[in-house]
Amino acid sequence: MARATSPSTTGTAMATVDRILCPSCHQSNLRRAKFCQYCRHDMVLNNDGPRYYITRVLKVGGQGAVFETIGDDNQVYAVKEMIDRFTDPKERQEAIERFEAEADMLRRLSHPRIPKVYVDFKDEGRQYLAMEFVRGQDLEDVIQKQGALPEAQVLEWADQICDVLSYLHEHKPEPIIFRDMKPSNIMIQPDNSIKLIDFGIAKVFQKAERGTQIGTPGYAPPEQYQGLATIESDIYALGATLHHALTGRDPRDEAPFSFPQVYALRPTVSKRTSEAIHRALQMKPEDRYHSVAEFRAALRPTPAQPPRVRVTPANQPVSAQPQVAAPTAPVTPAAQAKPTAPVAQARPAPRTQPVPAPTAPTNQRAQPAPVVAPTAKPTKRRGGFRRFLFTTLVVVVLAIAGLAYFQPALLQGIVTEIIAGPTPTPATFIMQPFSVTDLEIIVPPGVQVNDAFRQAYLQKAQEAYGPDTQINNNIPPTYLAGAEPVKTGDDPQGTRYRASVTGYILVRQR
């Protein structure tokens, strides 16, 4: 008997479907057909209701297939079928138990990155699972088409994956280990967000419990081949997935557990990202990160925080900033230090230490880090500025040598003044894309929603890249995929809204 929940709208309604596929032979038939014209099989899945009609085969694997279907409510669903090709009754029973456990587990989970399950049922001896239809393509297909992917994009997806894995690992009353993290189980949706699919081998974690040797070779860690799976096992598999996405190197085609440093294969990837993945891929679980949050923080320049900010009215509007900042002072070190002749008069007394800039008010709320991992720090410019700097240093050294010989006292004054106040150096800003997904804010009364999201977006960018980070006003921030903010509820301080914001920022080059 089918077990069902009440489905909400799961996808774009299909107006008229002219052709449907036979559940048995997958041959195309007219929509009105009740029985397949080729094998005479019933064209309907789950006659006991709710009923589904197959419109497309999405994926076929060794243990199952996934179909795109249309239901009686004219909505699109994904229906997963367990293929019964077992000759051993014990193996068949184990497969059925895993299939039913997947349905039960998914029904208990509630996370925006996990598809909803609506019905699990049997039809003519076969096991089926009807769930939310996820539009897009899986990460494995993306890698096959594009090869090694941009670091910023991979980190953005990694942040979302970490979010859902943290949810599973912190699930109450017991943690859930996914056990099969790999690119083909990560769906990339049209709005660039991800969903984690295929929970067929996910398992409630019980310490030191041995189970079936299961997983995907190349991505599964060594201990999983011994029947052990822990939180560190999921971290290893995620590291292998990110390694594949950043390098284009499929671990299934390489020697087992062979993962060179990412930047050794692709030097454009930041050392920070490469080293974080390298630690996640250690052979021994105790040498890896011990939580997804720890791994997530290592992949980002700021510690991972919940994706929630509170916005208060800004005291001053955000001013437009130039794309490239000019030097803060025109005076060069050479102009100050190089003497033309021995000086007879006494050097003025050195200046006192400057007063430190005031700190932020203590009652100001600290904001969390952005949910989307920022792009890697760009490579510093080479050439003219370095030559200028080298020439300046040579001049300064020669000047200091002359002062040491002719005027030792004067030299002491100059050194004291340099210590008291360093000469400003030119600052360079570079432009790069920056996105924040699922940004939830509280908009106080009287504040425009767009202005509040702009301020929250700026706060997230500054938390990720430093207080000097600016919005590039020549390309104003917009909502991702054109989606307007969604009201999520009321708050004593205002109204809650959620939206995904994208745009370009100006980051100070260190």
Protein backbone atom coordinates (compact mmCIF):
# COMPACT_ATOMS: atom_id res chain seq x y z
CA MET A 1 0.00 0.00 0.00
CA ALA A 2 1.34 3.39 -0.97
CA ARG A 3 2.37 5.81 1.72
CA ALA A 4 1.94 9.42 0.71
CA THR A 5 2.20 12.97 1.83
CA SER A 6 0.27 15.82 0.32
CA PRO A 7 2.35 17.24 -2.51
CA SER A 8 2.55 20.93 -3.17
CA THR A 9 3.36 22.28 -6.58
CA THR A 10 6.52 20.39 -7.56
CA GLY A 11 7.36 21.86 -10.91
CA THR A 12 5.99 23.60 -13.95
CA ALA A 13 2.68 22.07 -14.93
CA MET A 14 2.68 20.29 -18.28
CA ALA A 15 -0.21 21.39 -20.47
CA THR A 16 -0.77 18.49 -22.80
CA VAL A 17 1.35 15.36 -23.02
CA ASP A 18 0.95 13.60 -26.36
CA ARG A 19 3.23 10.62 -25.71
CA ILE A 20 4.03 8.53 -22.64
CA LEU A 21 6.44 5.63 -22.06
CA CYS A 22 5.64 2.10 -21.06
CA PRO A 23 6.82 1.39 -17.48
CA SER A 24 8.05 -2.04 -18.61
CA CYS A 25 9.62 -1.74 -22.08
CA HIS A 26 9.89 2.10 -22.16
CA GLN A 27 8.42 2.27 -25.67
CA SER A 28 6.53 5.40 -26.61
CA ASN A 29 2.74 5.23 -26.74
CA LEU A 30 -0.10 7.68 -27.23
CA ARG A 31 -1.15 9.54 -24.10
CA ARG A 32 -4.62 7.98 -24.15
CA ALA A 33 -3.28 4.39 -24.32
CA LYS A 34 -4.15 2.21 -21.35
CA PHE A 35 -1.92 -0.69 -22.38
CA CYS A 36 1.43 -0.69 -24.21
CA GLN A 37 0.99 -1.50 -27.90
CA TYR A 38 4.31 -3.38 -27.82
CA CYS A 39 4.25 -5.46 -24.61
CA ARG A 40 0.66 -4.95 -23.42
CA HIS A 41 1.84 -3.69 -20.02
CA ASP A 42 -0.34 -1.29 -18.07
CA MET A 43 0.70 2.29 -18.93
CA VAL A 44 -0.11 3.66 -15.48
CA LEU A 45 2.14 3.53 -12.45
CA ASN A 46 0.30 2.98 -9.16
CA ASN A 47 -3.29 2.39 -10.17
CA ASP A 48 -4.24 2.59 -6.51
CA GLY A 49 -3.28 6.25 -6.64
CA PRO A 50 -1.83 8.73 -6.92
CA ARG A 51 -1.17 7.73 -10.53
CA TYR A 52 1.87 8.63 -12.65
CA TYR A 53 2.65 8.50 -16.37
CA ILE A 54 6.26 8.25 -17.56
CA THR A 55 7.28 10.96 -20.04
CA ARG A 56 11.07 10.54 -20.10
CA VAL A 57 13.84 8.28 -18.81
CA LEU A 58 16.25 10.46 -16.83
CA LYS A 59 18.85 7.97 -15.66
CA VAL A 60 19.42 4.21 -15.63
CA GLY A 61 21.94 2.61 -13.27
CA GLY A 62 22.86 -0.82 -12.07
CA GLN A 63 20.29 -0.87 -9.27
CA GLY A 64 17.59 1.49 -10.48
CA ALA A 65 16.20 4.00 -12.91
CA VAL A 66 14.76 7.48 -12.56
CA PHE A 67 11.88 8.73 -14.71
CA GLU A 68 10.31 12.08 -15.37
CA THR A 69 6.57 11.63 -14.88
CA ILE A 70 3.35 13.59 -14.88
CA GLY A 71 0.77 12.97 -12.16
CA ASP A 72 -2.97 13.16 -12.12
CA ASP A 73 -2.61 16.72 -10.83
CA ASN A 74 -0.72 17.65 -14.04
CA GLN A 75 2.47 18.31 -12.09
CA VAL A 76 5.94 16.97 -12.85
CA TYR A 77 7.50 14.39 -10.53
CA ALA A 78 10.60 12.24 -10.48
CA VAL A 79 9.87 8.56 -9.91
CA LYS A 80 12.68 6.25 -8.89
CA GLU A 81 12.41 2.54 -9.63
CA MET A 82 14.40 -0.23 -8.00
CA ILE A 83 15.42 -2.67 -10.73
CA ASP A 84 15.01 -6.24 -9.53
CA ARG A 85 17.80 -8.21 -11.15
CA PHE A 86 18.75 -10.17 -8.08
CA THR A 87 19.03 -13.96 -8.15
CA ASP A 88 19.90 -14.25 -4.49
CA PRO A 89 16.80 -13.79 -2.30
CA LYS A 90 18.96 -12.35 0.47
CA GLU A 91 20.42 -9.69 -1.82
CA ARG A 92 16.94 -8.82 -3.09
CA GLN A 93 15.62 -8.40 0.42
CA GLU A 94 18.58 -6.21 1.39
CA ALA A 95 17.99 -4.02 -1.66
CA ILE A 96 14.30 -3.66 -0.83
CA GLU A 97 15.13 -2.73 2.74
CA ARG A 98 17.60 -0.06 1.56
CA PHE A 99 15.00 1.31 -0.85
CA GLU A 100 12.32 1.54 1.82
CA ALA A 101 14.81 3.01 4.29
CA GLU A 102 15.64 5.75 1.75
CA ALA A 103 11.95 6.65 1.49
CA ASP A 104 11.50 6.72 5.26
CA MET A 105 14.63 8.80 5.75
CA LEU A 106 13.76 11.37 3.09
CA ARG A 107 10.27 11.73 4.50
CA ARG A 108 11.77 12.73 7.86
CA LEU A 109 14.15 15.29 6.37
CA SER A 110 13.28 18.90 5.70
CA HIS A 111 15.94 20.96 3.95
CA PRO A 112 15.77 23.17 0.83
CA ARG A 113 18.70 21.24 -0.71
CA ILE A 114 17.04 17.81 -0.32
CA PRO A 115 14.20 16.74 -2.66
CA LYS A 116 10.82 16.13 -1.03
CA VAL A 117 9.37 12.61 -1.07
CA TYR A 118 5.64 12.24 -1.66
CA VAL A 119 4.84 8.55 -2.23
CA ASP A 120 6.56 5.18 -2.09
CA PHE A 121 4.63 2.29 -3.57
CA LYS A 122 4.77 -1.13 -5.19
CA ASP A 123 3.50 -1.84 -8.67
CA GLU A 124 3.52 -5.37 -10.08
CA GLY A 125 6.27 -6.40 -7.69
CA ARG A 126 8.53 -3.38 -8.36
CA GLN A 127 9.47 -0.73 -5.82
CA TYR A 128 8.87 2.95 -6.67
CA LEU A 129 9.51 6.28 -5.02
CA ALA A 130 7.79 9.48 -6.20
CA MET A 131 9.60 12.66 -5.26
CA GLU A 132 10.16 16.30 -6.14
CA PHE A 133 11.37 16.79 -9.70
CA VAL A 134 14.72 18.62 -9.73
CA ARG A 135 15.43 20.57 -12.90
CA GLY A 136 18.98 21.05 -14.15
CA GLN A 137 21.95 18.76 -14.68
CA ASP A 138 24.22 16.88 -12.33
CA LEU A 139 27.74 18.06 -11.56
CA GLU A 140 29.29 15.07 -13.36
CA ASP A 141 27.67 16.15 -16.62
CA VAL A 142 28.87 19.72 -16.06
CA ILE A 143 32.47 18.54 -15.58
CA GLN A 144 32.30 16.30 -18.64
CA LYS A 145 31.11 19.21 -20.78
CA GLN A 146 33.32 21.98 -19.38
CA GLY A 147 36.34 20.22 -17.85
CA ALA A 148 37.99 21.83 -14.83
CA LEU A 149 35.60 24.41 -13.39
CA PRO A 150 36.33 27.94 -12.06
CA GLU A 151 37.41 27.99 -8.43
CA ALA A 152 34.85 30.64 -7.44
CA GLN A 153 32.00 28.59 -8.86
CA VAL A 154 33.16 25.36 -7.22
CA LEU A 155 33.49 27.09 -3.85
CA GLU A 156 29.99 28.52 -4.20
CA TRP A 157 28.58 25.03 -4.74
CA ALA A 158 30.82 23.61 -2.00
CA ASP A 159 29.32 26.06 0.47
CA GLN A 160 25.83 24.86 -0.34
CA ILE A 161 26.88 21.20 -0.13
CA CYS A 162 28.46 21.83 3.26
CA ASP A 163 25.21 23.38 4.40
CA VAL A 164 23.16 20.26 3.63
CA LEU A 165 25.83 17.87 4.95
CA SER A 166 25.96 19.80 8.22
CA TYR A 167 22.19 19.43 8.43
CA LEU A 168 22.48 15.65 7.98
CA HIS A 169 25.37 15.25 10.42
CA GLU A 170 23.56 17.33 13.06
CA HIS A 171 20.24 15.59 12.54
CA LYS A 172 18.39 14.63 15.72
CA PRO A 173 18.11 12.22 17.40
CA GLU A 174 20.97 10.64 15.43
CA PRO A 175 23.35 11.92 12.72
CA ILE A 176 22.91 10.74 9.13
CA ILE A 177 25.94 9.79 7.03
CA PHE A 178 25.36 10.29 3.32
CA ARG A 179 28.04 7.72 2.29
CA ASP A 180 27.86 8.41 -1.46
CA MET A 181 29.01 11.97 -2.10
CA LYS A 182 30.06 12.29 -5.76
CA PRO A 183 29.40 14.66 -8.68
CA SER A 184 26.52 12.63 -10.13
CA ASN A 185 24.58 13.01 -6.87
CA ILE A 186 24.78 16.81 -6.94
CA MET A 187 22.14 18.47 -9.11
CA ILE A 188 22.87 21.98 -10.41
CA GLN A 189 19.57 23.83 -10.85
CA PRO A 190 18.94 26.63 -13.38
CA ASP A 191 19.37 29.27 -10.65
CA ASN A 192 22.84 27.80 -9.89
CA SER A 193 21.76 26.32 -6.57
CA ILE A 194 22.29 22.64 -5.74
CA LYS A 195 20.24 19.76 -4.47
CA LEU A 196 21.67 16.57 -3.06
CA ILE A 197 20.03 13.49 -4.55
CA ASP A 198 20.10 9.70 -4.21
CA PHE A 199 19.93 8.82 -0.53
CA GLY A 200 19.86 5.11 -1.31
CA ILE A 201 22.81 4.23 0.91
CA ALA A 202 22.59 7.03 3.47
CA LYS A 203 22.59 5.62 6.98
CA VAL A 204 21.96 6.67 10.52
CA PHE A 205 25.37 6.88 12.15
CA GLN A 206 26.18 4.56 15.00
CA LYS A 207 29.68 4.78 16.38
CA ALA A 208 32.01 1.91 15.51
CA GLU A 209 29.21 0.05 13.73
CA ARG A 210 30.28 -1.96 10.69
CA GLY A 211 27.98 -2.32 7.75
CA THR A 212 28.00 -3.20 4.09
CA GLN A 213 31.06 -2.36 2.07
CA ILE A 214 29.32 0.18 -0.07
CA GLY A 215 30.08 3.43 -1.87
CA THR A 216 31.55 4.64 -5.16
CA PRO A 217 35.18 3.71 -5.93
CA GLY A 218 37.35 6.77 -6.32
CA TYR A 219 35.23 8.86 -3.97
CA ALA A 220 34.73 6.50 -1.01
CA PRO A 221 37.45 6.67 1.70
CA PRO A 222 39.50 3.61 2.75
CA GLU A 223 37.48 2.89 5.91
CA GLN A 224 34.25 2.59 3.89
CA TYR A 225 35.65 -0.47 2.14
CA GLN A 226 35.90 -2.03 5.58
CA GLY A 227 32.23 -1.35 6.29
CA LEU A 228 32.85 1.76 8.43
CA ALA A 229 31.37 5.17 7.65
CA THR A 230 31.66 8.29 9.78
CA ILE A 231 31.31 12.04 9.44
CA GLU A 232 34.95 12.10 8.30
CA SER A 233 33.99 9.67 5.52
CA ASP A 234 31.58 12.21 4.02
CA ILE A 235 34.27 14.88 4.33
CA TYR A 236 36.70 12.69 2.36
CA ALA A 237 34.13 12.07 -0.39
CA LEU A 238 33.35 15.79 -0.60
CA GLY A 239 37.07 16.52 -0.89
CA ALA A 240 37.32 13.99 -3.74
CA THR A 241 34.33 15.61 -5.44
CA LEU A 242 35.81 19.12 -5.19
CA HIS A 243 39.19 17.80 -6.40
CA HIS A 244 37.47 16.33 -9.47
CA ALA A 245 35.58 19.56 -10.18
CA LEU A 246 38.65 21.81 -9.87
CA THR A 247 41.07 19.60 -11.83
CA GLY A 248 38.83 17.67 -14.23
CA ARG A 249 40.70 14.54 -13.07
CA ASP A 250 38.25 11.69 -12.52
CA PRO A 251 39.42 9.69 -9.45
CA ARG A 252 37.74 6.55 -10.84
CA ASP A 253 40.33 6.51 -13.63
CA GLU A 254 43.32 6.89 -11.31
CA ALA A 255 45.11 4.76 -8.76
CA PRO A 256 43.03 4.29 -5.59
CA PHE A 257 43.31 7.10 -3.06
CA SER A 258 45.62 9.08 -5.36
CA PHE A 259 45.00 12.82 -5.07
CA PRO A 260 47.90 15.21 -5.87
CA GLN A 261 47.62 18.74 -4.53
CA VAL A 262 45.09 20.66 -6.59
CA TYR A 263 47.46 23.59 -7.27
CA ALA A 264 50.09 21.12 -8.52
CA LEU A 265 47.67 20.09 -11.26
CA ARG A 266 46.11 23.51 -11.74
CA PRO A 267 48.33 26.39 -10.50
CA THR A 268 45.56 28.99 -10.86
CA VAL A 269 43.71 27.50 -7.89
CA SER A 270 44.57 29.21 -4.59
CA LYS A 271 46.86 27.48 -2.15
CA ARG A 272 44.26 27.94 0.58
CA THR A 273 41.65 25.92 -1.33
CA SER A 274 44.16 23.28 -2.38
CA GLU A 275 45.45 22.71 1.15
CA ALA A 276 41.93 22.51 2.58
CA ILE A 277 41.01 19.78 0.09
CA HIS A 278 44.32 18.01 0.70
CA ARG A 279 43.59 17.69 4.40
CA ALA A 280 40.07 16.41 3.72
CA LEU A 281 41.61 13.64 1.58
CA GLN A 282 43.93 12.22 4.20
CA MET A 283 43.94 8.43 4.40
CA LYS A 284 43.34 8.28 8.15
CA PRO A 285 40.03 9.75 9.40
CA GLU A 286 41.74 11.32 12.41
CA ASP A 287 43.95 13.39 10.07
CA ARG A 288 40.98 14.98 8.30
CA TYR A 289 38.60 17.70 9.43
CA HIS A 290 36.31 16.44 12.15
CA SER A 291 33.25 18.42 11.09
CA VAL A 292 31.87 19.83 7.87
CA ALA A 293 31.79 23.26 9.52
CA GLU A 294 35.56 23.04 10.04
CA PHE A 295 36.10 22.05 6.40
CA ARG A 296 33.73 24.81 5.28
CA ALA A 297 35.67 27.43 7.23
CA ALA A 298 38.97 26.24 5.73
CA LEU A 299 37.55 26.67 2.22
CA ARG A 300 36.53 30.26 2.97
CA PRO A 301 38.53 33.20 4.29
CA THR A 302 36.09 33.70 7.16
CA PRO A 303 34.56 31.14 9.55
CA ALA A 304 31.31 29.55 8.51
CA GLN A 305 28.20 31.06 10.06
CA PRO A 306 24.48 30.48 9.65
CA PRO A 307 23.09 32.19 6.55
CA ARG A 308 21.17 34.92 8.44
CA VAL A 309 21.70 38.62 8.89
CA ARG A 310 19.75 41.35 10.61
CA VAL A 311 19.65 44.68 8.85
CA THR A 312 19.18 47.96 10.65
CA PRO A 313 18.77 51.34 8.96
CA ALA A 314 22.12 52.63 7.83
CA ASN A 315 23.31 55.92 9.30
CA GLN A 316 24.83 56.96 6.01
CA PRO A 317 24.10 55.82 2.47
CA VAL A 318 26.63 53.72 0.64
CA SER A 319 28.61 56.07 -1.56
CA ALA A 320 29.80 55.25 -5.02
CA GLN A 321 33.43 54.23 -5.13
CA PRO A 322 35.88 54.31 -8.05
CA GLN A 323 36.97 51.02 -9.50
CA VAL A 324 40.63 51.78 -8.97
CA ALA A 325 41.63 53.82 -5.93
CA ALA A 326 44.36 56.41 -6.19
CA PRO A 327 47.31 56.53 -3.79
CA THR A 328 46.34 58.03 -0.49
CA ALA A 329 49.39 60.29 -0.47
CA PRO A 330 51.66 61.51 -3.29
CA VAL A 331 54.82 61.56 -1.19
CA THR A 332 57.30 58.78 -1.95
CA PRO A 333 59.87 57.35 0.47
CA ALA A 334 62.68 58.43 -1.82
CA ALA A 335 61.63 62.05 -1.71
CA GLN A 336 61.77 62.04 2.06
CA ALA A 337 64.94 60.06 2.63
CA LYS A 338 67.45 61.02 -0.10
CA PRO A 339 69.67 64.06 0.96
CA THR A 340 71.59 66.13 -1.58
CA ALA A 341 74.39 67.09 0.83
CA PRO A 342 75.34 66.79 4.50
CA VAL A 343 72.91 68.89 6.51
CA ALA A 344 74.27 71.15 9.19
CA GLN A 345 71.11 72.11 11.06
CA ALA A 346 69.61 69.92 13.73
CA ARG A 347 66.83 67.51 12.74
CA PRO A 348 63.41 68.33 14.27
CA ALA A 349 62.27 66.08 17.07
CA PRO A 350 60.48 62.98 15.90
CA ARG A 351 56.69 63.02 15.81
CA THR A 352 54.70 61.28 18.47
CA GLN A 353 52.85 58.07 17.73
CA PRO A 354 49.56 58.64 15.86
CA VAL A 355 46.33 58.14 17.74
CA PRO A 356 44.70 54.86 16.76
CA ALA A 357 41.48 55.10 14.80
CA PRO A 358 38.36 54.63 16.91
CA THR A 359 36.86 51.16 16.88
CA ALA A 360 33.31 50.30 15.91
CA PRO A 361 30.62 50.83 18.56
CA THR A 362 30.35 47.94 20.95
CA ASN A 363 26.60 47.67 20.48
CA GLN A 364 26.87 47.07 16.72
CA ARG A 365 25.72 43.59 15.70
CA ALA A 366 28.28 41.30 14.19
CA GLN A 367 27.13 39.90 10.85
CA PRO A 368 27.63 36.29 9.66
CA ALA A 369 29.82 35.30 6.73
CA PRO A 370 28.24 34.90 3.25
CA VAL A 371 26.80 31.51 2.38
CA VAL A 372 28.47 31.57 -1.01
CA ALA A 373 32.21 31.03 -0.89
CA PRO A 374 34.02 34.01 -2.46
CA THR A 375 36.35 33.69 -5.34
CA ALA A 376 40.03 33.15 -4.85
CA LYS A 377 42.29 36.07 -4.09
CA PRO A 378 43.59 37.37 -7.45
CA THR A 379 47.21 37.28 -8.38
CA LYS A 380 49.00 40.50 -7.62
CA ARG A 381 50.09 42.70 -10.53
CA ARG A 382 53.63 42.29 -11.70
CA GLY A 383 55.89 44.65 -13.54
CA GLY A 384 55.90 48.40 -13.21
CA PHE A 385 55.02 48.78 -9.55
CA ARG A 386 57.56 46.16 -8.47
CA ARG A 387 60.29 47.89 -10.51
CA PHE A 388 59.29 51.21 -8.93
CA LEU A 389 59.40 49.68 -5.49
CA PHE A 390 62.82 48.07 -6.10
CA THR A 391 64.28 51.36 -7.40
CA THR A 392 62.89 53.24 -4.43
CA LEU A 393 64.39 50.77 -1.97
CA VAL A 394 67.81 51.06 -3.61
CA VAL A 395 67.66 54.84 -3.37
CA VAL A 396 66.62 54.68 0.27
CA VAL A 397 69.41 52.23 1.15
CA LEU A 398 72.04 54.44 -0.51
CA ALA A 399 70.67 57.47 1.26
CA ILE A 400 70.75 55.74 4.63
CA ALA A 401 74.33 54.62 4.00
CA GLY A 402 75.34 58.21 3.25
CA LEU A 403 73.63 59.49 6.36
CA ALA A 404 75.30 56.86 8.47
CA TYR A 405 78.66 58.10 7.28
CA PHE A 406 78.09 61.87 7.31
CA GLN A 407 75.31 62.51 9.88
CA PRO A 408 74.68 59.66 12.36
CA ALA A 409 72.38 61.82 14.47
CA LEU A 410 70.28 62.77 11.48
CA LEU A 411 69.92 59.09 10.60
CA GLN A 412 68.58 58.33 14.06
CA GLY A 413 65.87 60.99 13.62
CA ILE A 414 64.78 59.59 10.27
CA VAL A 415 64.58 56.04 11.59
CA THR A 416 62.53 57.25 14.56
CA GLU A 417 60.12 59.07 12.25
CA ILE A 418 59.70 56.03 10.00
CA ILE A 419 58.81 53.91 13.02
CA ALA A 420 56.37 56.55 14.25
CA GLY A 421 54.40 56.75 11.02
CA PRO A 422 54.82 54.58 7.89
CA THR A 423 54.41 56.12 4.48
CA PRO A 424 51.19 55.09 2.78
CA THR A 425 51.45 52.84 -0.27
CA PRO A 426 49.14 52.88 -3.28
CA ALA A 427 46.02 50.72 -2.95
CA THR A 428 44.65 48.73 -5.88
CA PHE A 429 41.09 47.43 -6.16
CA ILE A 430 40.10 44.62 -8.45
CA MET A 431 36.59 43.79 -9.62
CA GLN A 432 35.13 40.30 -9.23
CA PRO A 433 31.71 38.65 -9.08
CA PHE A 434 30.14 37.92 -5.70
CA SER A 435 26.86 36.17 -4.87
CA VAL A 436 24.96 35.39 -1.69
CA THR A 437 22.26 32.72 -1.87
CA ASP A 438 19.33 32.29 0.49
CA LEU A 439 20.09 35.58 2.25
CA GLU A 440 17.51 36.15 4.99
CA ILE A 441 17.18 39.62 6.49
CA ILE A 442 14.87 41.56 8.77
CA VAL A 443 13.71 44.82 7.20
CA PRO A 444 12.72 47.44 9.82
CA PRO A 445 9.64 49.63 9.21
CA GLY A 446 10.29 52.53 6.86
CA VAL A 447 13.26 50.85 5.13
CA GLN A 448 13.02 49.90 1.47
CA VAL A 449 13.46 46.18 0.88
CA ASN A 450 15.92 46.70 -1.99
CA ASP A 451 18.01 49.09 0.11
CA ALA A 452 18.08 46.60 2.97
CA PHE A 453 19.25 43.77 0.72
CA ARG A 454 21.92 46.04 -0.80
CA GLN A 455 23.23 46.87 2.69
CA ALA A 456 23.18 43.21 3.72
CA TYR A 457 24.98 42.26 0.50
CA LEU A 458 27.69 44.85 1.22
CA GLN A 459 28.05 43.57 4.80
CA LYS A 460 28.53 40.01 3.55
CA ALA A 461 31.14 41.12 1.02
CA GLN A 462 33.06 43.10 3.64
CA GLU A 463 33.00 40.15 6.05
CA ALA A 464 34.43 37.92 3.33
CA TYR A 465 37.06 40.28 1.90
CA GLY A 466 37.67 43.01 4.47
CA PRO A 467 36.18 46.37 5.48
CA ASP A 468 37.59 48.15 2.40
CA THR A 469 35.46 46.08 0.02
CA GLN A 470 33.00 48.15 -2.03
CA ILE A 471 30.08 47.55 -4.35
CA ASN A 472 30.81 48.29 -7.98
CA ASN A 473 28.06 50.83 -8.58
CA ASN A 474 28.59 50.68 -12.32
CA ILE A 475 27.04 47.18 -12.17
CA PRO A 476 24.44 47.38 -9.37
CA PRO A 477 23.56 44.19 -7.44
CA THR A 478 20.54 42.26 -8.67
CA TYR A 479 18.50 39.33 -7.48
CA LEU A 480 19.73 35.97 -8.72
CA ALA A 481 17.76 34.67 -11.71
CA GLY A 482 15.50 37.73 -11.41
CA ALA A 483 13.68 36.27 -8.39
CA GLU A 484 12.16 38.94 -6.15
CA PRO A 485 12.53 38.78 -2.35
CA VAL A 486 10.11 36.44 -0.67
CA LYS A 487 8.42 37.39 2.59
CA THR A 488 9.08 34.62 5.13
CA GLY A 489 7.39 36.01 8.22
CA ASP A 490 7.13 38.77 10.79
CA ASP A 491 9.62 39.78 13.49
CA PRO A 492 9.43 42.20 16.42
CA GLN A 493 11.99 44.35 14.60
CA GLY A 494 10.32 44.25 11.19
CA THR A 495 9.53 41.83 8.37
CA ARG A 496 11.60 38.86 7.32
CA TYR A 497 12.57 38.47 3.67
CA ARG A 498 14.71 35.94 1.78
CA ALA A 499 16.45 36.39 -1.57
CA SER A 500 19.63 35.51 -3.47
CA VAL A 501 21.72 38.52 -4.52
CA THR A 502 24.46 38.66 -7.13
CA GLY A 503 26.67 41.43 -8.47
CA TYR A 504 30.24 42.70 -8.70
CA ILE A 505 32.41 44.03 -5.89
CA LEU A 506 35.69 45.93 -5.66
CA VAL A 507 38.18 44.04 -3.49
CA ARG A 508 41.34 45.65 -2.17
CA GLN A 509 44.43 43.86 -3.42
CA ARG A 510 46.72 43.02 -0.51
